[in-house]
Amino acid sequence: MGGISIWQLLIVFAIIILLFGTKKLRNIGGDLGSAVKGFKKAVSEDKDSKEEAEPEAKAEKLTQDKADSTFDEVKEKSKDKDQA
């Protein structure tokens, strides 16, 4: 009832070919394919750069955690000295 049949799709496709011609449609298809390839490449490069940056971020966090714990130890020692 509300669906589009194969015949309706074929008629629309035939009208599009008549309006634009096969050469222009081929060019549009090639441009669209190039855009999709470029997008996939950019996404995979972004994923690779995130994977490379992840170990650096973990090392930075560990360094910060160690500095925080050292600061806490110094703080505790100074409290002990103040109390004594």
N, C-alpha and C. Protein backbone atom coordinates (compact mmCIF):
# COMPACT_ATOMS: atom_id res chain seq x y z
N MET A 1 0.81 -1.19 0.00
CA MET A 1 0.00 0.00 0.00
C MET A 1 0.86 1.26 0.00
N GLY A 2 1.78 1.37 0.96
CA GLY A 2 2.59 2.57 1.05
C GLY A 2 3.97 2.38 0.47
N GLY A 3 4.27 1.16 0.00
CA GLY A 3 5.61 0.88 -0.50
C GLY A 3 5.78 1.30 -1.94
N ILE A 4 7.01 1.34 -2.35
CA ILE A 4 7.33 1.67 -3.74
C ILE A 4 7.66 0.37 -4.46
N SER A 5 6.99 0.14 -5.58
CA SER A 5 7.24 -1.10 -6.33
C SER A 5 8.46 -0.94 -7.22
N ILE A 6 8.94 -2.05 -7.73
CA ILE A 6 10.10 -2.05 -8.61
C ILE A 6 9.81 -1.28 -9.90
N TRP A 7 8.56 -1.34 -10.36
CA TRP A 7 8.19 -0.64 -11.60
C TRP A 7 8.26 0.87 -11.42
N GLN A 8 7.85 1.35 -10.26
CA GLN A 8 7.91 2.78 -10.00
C GLN A 8 9.37 3.25 -9.94
N LEU A 9 10.23 2.44 -9.33
CA LEU A 9 11.65 2.77 -9.28
C LEU A 9 12.27 2.81 -10.67
N LEU A 10 11.90 1.86 -11.51
CA LEU A 10 12.42 1.83 -12.88
C LEU A 10 11.97 3.05 -13.68
N ILE A 11 10.74 3.46 -13.50
CA ILE A 11 10.23 4.64 -14.21
C ILE A 11 10.99 5.89 -13.75
N VAL A 12 11.19 6.03 -12.45
CA VAL A 12 11.94 7.18 -11.93
C VAL A 12 13.36 7.17 -12.46
N PHE A 13 13.99 6.01 -12.48
CA PHE A 13 15.36 5.87 -12.98
C PHE A 13 15.44 6.25 -14.46
N ALA A 14 14.45 5.83 -15.24
CA ALA A 14 14.43 6.17 -16.67
C ALA A 14 14.28 7.67 -16.87
N ILE A 15 13.46 8.32 -16.06
CA ILE A 15 13.28 9.77 -16.18
C ILE A 15 14.58 10.49 -15.82
N ILE A 16 15.26 10.01 -14.79
CA ILE A 16 16.54 10.62 -14.39
C ILE A 16 17.56 10.49 -15.51
N ILE A 17 17.61 9.32 -16.15
CA ILE A 17 18.55 9.13 -17.26
C ILE A 17 18.22 10.06 -18.42
N LEU A 18 16.94 10.24 -18.70
CA LEU A 18 16.54 11.14 -19.78
C LEU A 18 16.91 12.60 -19.47
N LEU A 19 16.76 12.99 -18.22
CA LEU A 19 17.06 14.37 -17.84
C LEU A 19 18.55 14.67 -17.83
N PHE A 20 19.33 13.79 -17.23
CA PHE A 20 20.74 14.08 -17.01
C PHE A 20 21.68 13.43 -18.03
N GLY A 21 21.30 12.33 -18.58
CA GLY A 21 22.17 11.62 -19.51
C GLY A 21 23.12 10.70 -18.76
N THR A 22 23.61 9.69 -19.47
CA THR A 22 24.44 8.69 -18.82
C THR A 22 25.83 9.21 -18.46
N LYS A 23 26.37 10.11 -19.28
CA LYS A 23 27.71 10.62 -19.00
C LYS A 23 27.75 11.42 -17.70
N LYS A 24 26.77 12.28 -17.51
CA LYS A 24 26.72 13.09 -16.29
C LYS A 24 26.49 12.21 -15.07
N LEU A 25 25.62 11.20 -15.20
CA LEU A 25 25.38 10.29 -14.09
C LEU A 25 26.64 9.50 -13.74
N ARG A 26 27.41 9.10 -14.76
CA ARG A 26 28.66 8.38 -14.53
C ARG A 26 29.64 9.26 -13.77
N ASN A 27 29.72 10.54 -14.15
CA ASN A 27 30.61 11.47 -13.46
C ASN A 27 30.18 11.68 -12.00
N ILE A 28 28.89 11.81 -11.80
CA ILE A 28 28.38 11.97 -10.44
C ILE A 28 28.69 10.73 -9.60
N GLY A 29 28.52 9.55 -10.19
CA GLY A 29 28.83 8.31 -9.48
C GLY A 29 30.31 8.22 -9.14
N GLY A 30 31.17 8.61 -10.07
CA GLY A 30 32.62 8.59 -9.80
C GLY A 30 33.00 9.56 -8.70
N ASP A 31 32.40 10.75 -8.73
CA ASP A 31 32.68 11.74 -7.69
C ASP A 31 32.21 11.25 -6.32
N LEU A 32 31.04 10.65 -6.31
CA LEU A 32 30.51 10.12 -5.05
C LEU A 32 31.39 9.00 -4.51
N GLY A 33 31.85 8.12 -5.41
CA GLY A 33 32.75 7.04 -4.99
C GLY A 33 34.07 7.57 -4.44
N SER A 34 34.62 8.59 -5.07
CA SER A 34 35.86 9.20 -4.57
C SER A 34 35.65 9.83 -3.20
N ALA A 35 34.51 10.46 -3.01
CA ALA A 35 34.21 11.08 -1.72
C ALA A 35 34.11 10.03 -0.62
N VAL A 36 33.47 8.90 -0.92
CA VAL A 36 33.33 7.83 0.06
C VAL A 36 34.70 7.24 0.40
N LYS A 37 35.55 7.03 -0.62
CA LYS A 37 36.89 6.51 -0.37
C LYS A 37 37.70 7.46 0.50
N GLY A 38 37.62 8.75 0.21
CA GLY A 38 38.33 9.75 1.01
C GLY A 38 37.85 9.78 2.44
N PHE A 39 36.54 9.64 2.63
CA PHE A 39 35.98 9.62 3.98
C PHE A 39 36.46 8.41 4.75
N LYS A 40 36.43 7.23 4.12
CA LYS A 40 36.90 6.01 4.78
C LYS A 40 38.38 6.11 5.14
N LYS A 41 39.17 6.69 4.25
CA LYS A 41 40.61 6.85 4.50
C LYS A 41 40.84 7.78 5.69
N ALA A 42 40.10 8.88 5.75
CA ALA A 42 40.24 9.83 6.85
C ALA A 42 39.84 9.20 8.18
N VAL A 43 38.77 8.40 8.16
CA VAL A 43 38.33 7.75 9.39
C VAL A 43 39.37 6.75 9.86
N SER A 44 39.94 5.96 8.95
CA SER A 44 40.95 4.97 9.35
C SER A 44 42.22 5.65 9.83
N GLU A 45 42.61 6.78 9.22
CA GLU A 45 43.79 7.52 9.68
C GLU A 45 43.55 8.10 11.06
N ASP A 46 42.34 8.59 11.30
CA ASP A 46 42.01 9.14 12.61
C ASP A 46 42.05 8.05 13.67
N LYS A 47 41.55 6.87 13.32
CA LYS A 47 41.56 5.74 14.24
C LYS A 47 43.00 5.34 14.56
N ASP A 48 43.86 5.31 13.53
CA ASP A 48 45.27 4.96 13.74
C ASP A 48 45.97 5.98 14.63
N SER A 49 45.70 7.26 14.41
CA SER A 49 46.36 8.29 15.22
C SER A 49 45.89 8.23 16.66
N LYS A 50 44.63 7.87 16.89
CA LYS A 50 44.14 7.71 18.26
C LYS A 50 44.83 6.55 18.94
N GLU A 51 45.03 5.45 18.22
CA GLU A 51 45.70 4.28 18.79
C GLU A 51 47.15 4.61 19.12
N GLU A 52 47.80 5.43 18.30
CA GLU A 52 49.18 5.82 18.57
C GLU A 52 49.26 6.77 19.75
N ALA A 53 48.28 7.65 19.90
CA ALA A 53 48.30 8.63 20.96
C ALA A 53 47.88 8.03 22.30
N GLU A 54 47.16 6.92 22.29
CA GLU A 54 46.67 6.31 23.51
C GLU A 54 47.78 5.93 24.47
N PRO A 55 48.86 5.26 24.05
CA PRO A 55 49.92 4.92 25.00
C PRO A 55 50.58 6.16 25.61
N GLU A 56 50.72 7.22 24.82
CA GLU A 56 51.29 8.45 25.34
C GLU A 56 50.40 9.05 26.42
N ALA A 57 49.10 9.01 26.20
CA ALA A 57 48.16 9.55 27.18
C ALA A 57 48.19 8.73 28.46
N LYS A 58 48.30 7.40 28.32
CA LYS A 58 48.37 6.54 29.50
C LYS A 58 49.65 6.82 30.29
N ALA A 59 50.76 6.98 29.59
CA ALA A 59 52.03 7.27 30.26
C ALA A 59 51.95 8.61 30.97
N GLU A 60 51.34 9.60 30.34
CA GLU A 60 51.19 10.91 30.95
C GLU A 60 50.32 10.83 32.20
N LYS A 61 49.26 10.04 32.14
CA LYS A 61 48.38 9.89 33.29
C LYS A 61 49.11 9.20 34.43
N LEU A 62 49.90 8.16 34.12
CA LEU A 62 50.66 7.48 35.16
C LEU A 62 51.65 8.43 35.81
N THR A 63 52.31 9.25 35.02
CA THR A 63 53.26 10.22 35.56
C THR A 63 52.54 11.20 36.48
N GLN A 64 51.37 11.67 36.06
CA GLN A 64 50.59 12.60 36.88
C GLN A 64 50.13 11.94 38.17
N ASP A 65 49.68 10.67 38.09
CA ASP A 65 49.25 9.95 39.28
C ASP A 65 50.40 9.77 40.26
N LYS A 66 51.57 9.45 39.73
CA LYS A 66 52.74 9.28 40.58
C LYS A 66 53.11 10.60 41.26
N ALA A 67 53.04 11.69 40.50
CA ALA A 67 53.34 13.00 41.07
C ALA A 67 52.32 13.35 42.15
N ASP A 68 51.06 13.04 41.92
CA ASP A 68 50.03 13.31 42.91
C ASP A 68 50.26 12.51 44.18
N SER A 69 50.60 11.22 44.03
CA SER A 69 50.83 10.40 45.21
C SER A 69 52.07 10.87 45.97
N THR A 70 53.11 11.30 45.26
CA THR A 70 54.31 11.83 45.92
C THR A 70 53.97 13.10 46.67
N PHE A 71 53.15 13.95 46.07
CA PHE A 71 52.73 15.18 46.73
C PHE A 71 51.94 14.86 47.99
N ASP A 72 51.06 13.86 47.92
CA ASP A 72 50.29 13.46 49.10
C ASP A 72 51.19 12.95 50.21
N GLU A 73 52.24 12.19 49.85
CA GLU A 73 53.17 11.67 50.84
C GLU A 73 53.91 12.82 51.53
N VAL A 74 54.37 13.79 50.76
CA VAL A 74 55.07 14.95 51.32
C VAL A 74 54.13 15.73 52.24
N LYS A 75 52.91 15.86 51.83
CA LYS A 75 51.91 16.57 52.61
C LYS A 75 51.69 15.87 53.96
N GLU A 76 51.58 14.56 53.93
CA GLU A 76 51.39 13.77 55.16
C GLU A 76 52.60 13.93 56.09
N LYS A 77 53.79 13.90 55.52
CA LYS A 77 55.01 14.03 56.33
C LYS A 77 55.07 15.39 56.99
N SER A 78 54.65 16.44 56.26
CA SER A 78 54.68 17.78 56.85
C SER A 78 53.63 17.91 57.95
N LYS A 79 52.52 17.23 57.81
CA LYS A 79 51.50 17.23 58.87
C LYS A 79 52.05 16.54 60.11
N ASP A 80 52.76 15.43 59.91
CA ASP A 80 53.34 14.69 61.05
C ASP A 80 54.37 15.56 61.76
N LYS A 81 55.17 16.32 61.03
CA LYS A 81 56.17 17.20 61.62
C LYS A 81 55.49 18.32 62.39
N ASP A 82 54.39 18.87 61.85
CA ASP A 82 53.68 19.96 62.51
C ASP A 82 53.05 19.48 63.81
N GLN A 83 52.56 18.24 63.83
CA GLN A 83 51.93 17.71 65.02
C GLN A 83 52.96 17.38 66.08
N ALA A 84 54.17 17.03 65.69
CA ALA A 84 55.19 16.65 66.67
C ALA A 84 55.87 17.81 67.29
